[in-house]
């Protein structure tokens, strides 16, 4: 069976809009953290890790700052 011809695009939920909890464990407070995993080449990981260390920040802080910069740029 083929999928739809046009991809359906939806907007992410608004900041104050609750999201659907499919885990069955209840909603997590905003202060909790959730790990994510991305795959990058080993050489790029070393480069990113070294740059974060040079700046005195964690890779998490660096990636979150990069995400915020990207979101602001795309507005």
N, C-alpha and C. Protein backbone atom coordinates (compact mmCIF):
# COMPACT_ATOMS: atom_id res chain seq x y z
N UNK A 1 0.84 -1.18 0.00
CA UNK A 1 0.00 0.00 0.00
C UNK A 1 0.88 1.24 0.00
N UNK A 2 0.62 2.15 -0.89
CA UNK A 2 1.40 3.37 -0.99
C UNK A 2 0.89 4.41 0.00
N UNK A 3 1.81 5.28 0.43
CA UNK A 3 1.44 6.36 1.32
C UNK A 3 0.81 7.50 0.55
N UNK A 4 0.43 8.55 1.25
CA UNK A 4 -0.17 9.70 0.58
C UNK A 4 0.82 10.36 -0.36
N UNK A 5 0.32 10.96 -1.43
CA UNK A 5 1.18 11.62 -2.40
C UNK A 5 1.81 12.88 -1.81
N UNK A 6 1.04 13.63 -1.06
CA UNK A 6 1.55 14.85 -0.44
C UNK A 6 1.84 14.56 1.02
N UNK A 7 3.02 14.97 1.44
CA UNK A 7 3.36 14.78 2.85
C UNK A 7 2.58 15.78 3.69
N UNK A 8 2.05 15.31 4.77
CA UNK A 8 1.30 16.16 5.67
C UNK A 8 2.27 16.80 6.64
N UNK A 9 2.26 18.12 6.71
CA UNK A 9 3.13 18.83 7.62
C UNK A 9 2.29 19.44 8.73
N UNK A 10 2.73 19.23 9.97
CA UNK A 10 2.03 19.82 11.10
C UNK A 10 3.02 20.64 11.90
N UNK A 11 2.50 21.59 12.61
CA UNK A 11 3.35 22.43 13.45
C UNK A 11 3.58 21.74 14.79
N UNK A 12 4.73 22.00 15.41
CA UNK A 12 4.95 21.45 16.75
C UNK A 12 3.97 22.08 17.73
N UNK A 13 3.73 21.44 18.86
CA UNK A 13 2.79 22.01 19.84
C UNK A 13 3.29 23.35 20.36
N UNK A 14 2.37 24.21 20.72
CA UNK A 14 2.72 25.50 21.32
C UNK A 14 3.36 25.25 22.68
N UNK A 15 4.09 26.26 23.16
CA UNK A 15 4.82 26.12 24.43
C UNK A 15 3.90 25.73 25.58
N UNK A 16 2.71 26.31 25.64
CA UNK A 16 1.82 26.05 26.76
C UNK A 16 0.83 24.91 26.49
N UNK A 17 0.95 24.27 25.34
CA UNK A 17 0.05 23.19 24.97
C UNK A 17 0.60 21.85 25.45
N UNK A 18 -0.20 21.07 26.18
CA UNK A 18 0.30 19.77 26.62
C UNK A 18 0.49 18.83 25.43
N UNK A 19 1.47 17.96 25.55
CA UNK A 19 1.71 17.00 24.48
C UNK A 19 1.17 15.63 24.89
N UNK A 20 0.94 14.81 23.92
CA UNK A 20 0.42 13.47 24.16
C UNK A 20 1.51 12.61 24.81
N UNK A 21 1.16 11.99 25.92
CA UNK A 21 2.10 11.11 26.61
C UNK A 21 1.80 9.68 26.19
N UNK A 22 2.65 9.10 25.38
CA UNK A 22 2.42 7.74 24.91
C UNK A 22 3.18 6.69 25.73
N UNK A 23 3.92 7.14 26.73
CA UNK A 23 4.70 6.20 27.53
C UNK A 23 3.87 5.55 28.61
N UNK A 24 2.77 6.20 29.00
CA UNK A 24 1.95 5.66 30.07
C UNK A 24 2.53 5.91 31.45
N UNK A 25 3.59 6.73 31.52
CA UNK A 25 4.24 6.98 32.80
C UNK A 25 3.89 8.35 33.38
N UNK A 26 3.00 9.07 32.74
CA UNK A 26 2.65 10.41 33.21
C UNK A 26 3.58 11.46 32.61
N UNK A 27 3.15 12.69 32.66
CA UNK A 27 3.92 13.79 32.08
C UNK A 27 5.13 14.10 32.97
N UNK A 28 6.26 14.33 32.34
CA UNK A 28 7.47 14.68 33.07
C UNK A 28 7.51 16.20 33.26
N UNK A 29 7.97 16.67 34.41
CA UNK A 29 8.07 18.12 34.60
C UNK A 29 9.14 18.70 33.67
N UNK A 30 9.00 20.01 33.38
CA UNK A 30 9.95 20.67 32.48
C UNK A 30 11.38 20.63 33.00
N UNK A 31 11.56 20.47 34.30
CA UNK A 31 12.91 20.48 34.86
C UNK A 31 13.64 19.16 34.65
N UNK A 32 12.93 18.11 34.25
CA UNK A 32 13.61 16.84 34.02
C UNK A 32 14.29 16.86 32.66
N UNK A 33 15.22 15.96 32.45
CA UNK A 33 15.95 15.90 31.18
C UNK A 33 15.68 14.58 30.49
N UNK A 34 15.79 14.58 29.18
CA UNK A 34 15.58 13.38 28.40
C UNK A 34 16.77 13.24 27.46
N UNK A 35 17.44 12.11 27.48
CA UNK A 35 18.59 11.94 26.59
C UNK A 35 18.14 11.75 25.15
N UNK A 36 18.96 12.25 24.24
CA UNK A 36 18.75 11.98 22.82
C UNK A 36 20.05 11.42 22.26
N UNK A 37 19.96 10.80 21.12
CA UNK A 37 21.15 10.22 20.51
C UNK A 37 21.22 10.67 19.06
N UNK A 38 22.39 11.14 18.66
CA UNK A 38 22.62 11.48 17.27
C UNK A 38 23.87 10.75 16.81
N UNK A 39 23.97 10.55 15.53
CA UNK A 39 25.14 9.87 14.98
C UNK A 39 25.93 10.85 14.15
N UNK A 40 27.21 11.00 14.50
CA UNK A 40 28.12 11.87 13.78
C UNK A 40 29.42 11.11 13.54
N UNK A 41 30.16 11.48 12.51
CA UNK A 41 31.45 10.83 12.29
C UNK A 41 32.37 11.05 13.51
N UNK A 42 33.22 10.08 13.76
CA UNK A 42 34.13 10.14 14.91
C UNK A 42 34.95 11.42 14.87
N UNK A 43 35.44 11.79 13.70
CA UNK A 43 36.27 13.00 13.59
C UNK A 43 35.47 14.24 13.96
N UNK A 44 34.20 14.30 13.58
CA UNK A 44 33.36 15.45 13.91
C UNK A 44 33.07 15.47 15.41
N UNK A 45 32.88 14.30 16.02
CA UNK A 45 32.65 14.23 17.47
C UNK A 45 33.85 14.78 18.22
N UNK A 46 35.03 14.39 17.80
CA UNK A 46 36.26 14.88 18.45
C UNK A 46 36.37 16.39 18.31
N UNK A 47 36.06 16.89 17.11
CA UNK A 47 36.12 18.32 16.86
C UNK A 47 35.12 19.07 17.74
N UNK A 48 33.91 18.56 17.82
CA UNK A 48 32.88 19.21 18.63
C UNK A 48 33.23 19.17 20.11
N UNK A 49 33.72 18.04 20.57
CA UNK A 49 34.10 17.88 21.98
C UNK A 49 35.23 18.84 22.34
N UNK A 50 36.23 18.93 21.45
CA UNK A 50 37.36 19.82 21.70
C UNK A 50 36.90 21.28 21.72
N UNK A 51 36.04 21.65 20.78
CA UNK A 51 35.57 23.03 20.73
C UNK A 51 34.78 23.38 21.99
N UNK A 52 33.90 22.50 22.43
CA UNK A 52 33.13 22.75 23.65
C UNK A 52 34.06 22.92 24.84
N UNK A 53 35.08 22.06 24.92
CA UNK A 53 36.05 22.15 26.02
C UNK A 53 36.80 23.48 25.98
N UNK A 54 37.18 23.91 24.78
CA UNK A 54 37.88 25.20 24.63
C UNK A 54 37.01 26.35 25.12
N UNK A 55 35.71 26.24 24.89
CA UNK A 55 34.78 27.29 25.31
C UNK A 55 34.38 27.16 26.78
N UNK A 56 34.77 26.05 27.40
CA UNK A 56 34.45 25.84 28.81
C UNK A 56 32.99 25.46 29.04
N UNK A 57 32.37 24.83 28.05
CA UNK A 57 30.97 24.42 28.18
C UNK A 57 30.85 22.94 27.82
N UNK A 58 29.72 22.37 28.18
CA UNK A 58 29.49 20.97 27.84
C UNK A 58 28.99 20.87 26.40
N UNK A 59 29.08 19.69 25.83
CA UNK A 59 28.54 19.50 24.48
C UNK A 59 27.02 19.72 24.49
N UNK A 60 26.36 19.34 25.57
CA UNK A 60 24.93 19.56 25.68
C UNK A 60 24.60 21.04 25.59
N UNK A 61 25.33 21.86 26.36
CA UNK A 61 25.09 23.31 26.32
C UNK A 61 25.39 23.87 24.93
N UNK A 62 26.44 23.38 24.30
CA UNK A 62 26.80 23.86 22.97
C UNK A 62 25.70 23.50 21.95
N UNK A 63 25.21 22.27 21.99
CA UNK A 63 24.19 21.85 21.05
C UNK A 63 22.86 22.57 21.30
N UNK A 64 22.51 22.79 22.56
CA UNK A 64 21.28 23.53 22.87
C UNK A 64 21.40 24.98 22.38
N UNK A 65 22.56 25.59 22.55
CA UNK A 65 22.77 26.96 22.06
C UNK A 65 22.68 26.98 20.54
N UNK A 66 23.24 25.97 19.88
CA UNK A 66 23.15 25.88 18.43
C UNK A 66 21.72 25.73 17.96
N UNK A 67 20.94 24.94 18.67
CA UNK A 67 19.52 24.78 18.35
C UNK A 67 18.78 26.11 18.47
N UNK A 68 19.04 26.82 19.59
CA UNK A 68 18.38 28.12 19.79
C UNK A 68 18.77 29.09 18.68
N UNK A 69 20.04 29.11 18.29
CA UNK A 69 20.49 30.01 17.22
C UNK A 69 19.80 29.65 15.91
N UNK A 70 19.67 28.38 15.61
CA UNK A 70 19.03 27.94 14.38
C UNK A 70 17.55 28.33 14.37
N UNK A 71 16.88 28.10 15.49
CA UNK A 71 15.45 28.47 15.57
C UNK A 71 15.26 29.96 15.37
N UNK A 72 16.11 30.78 16.00
CA UNK A 72 15.99 32.23 15.85
C UNK A 72 16.28 32.68 14.43
N UNK A 73 17.22 32.03 13.77
CA UNK A 73 17.57 32.36 12.39
C UNK A 73 16.42 32.04 11.44
N UNK A 74 15.69 30.96 11.70
CA UNK A 74 14.64 30.51 10.80
C UNK A 74 13.31 31.23 11.00
N UNK A 75 13.22 32.11 11.98
CA UNK A 75 11.95 32.83 12.22
C UNK A 75 11.70 33.83 11.14
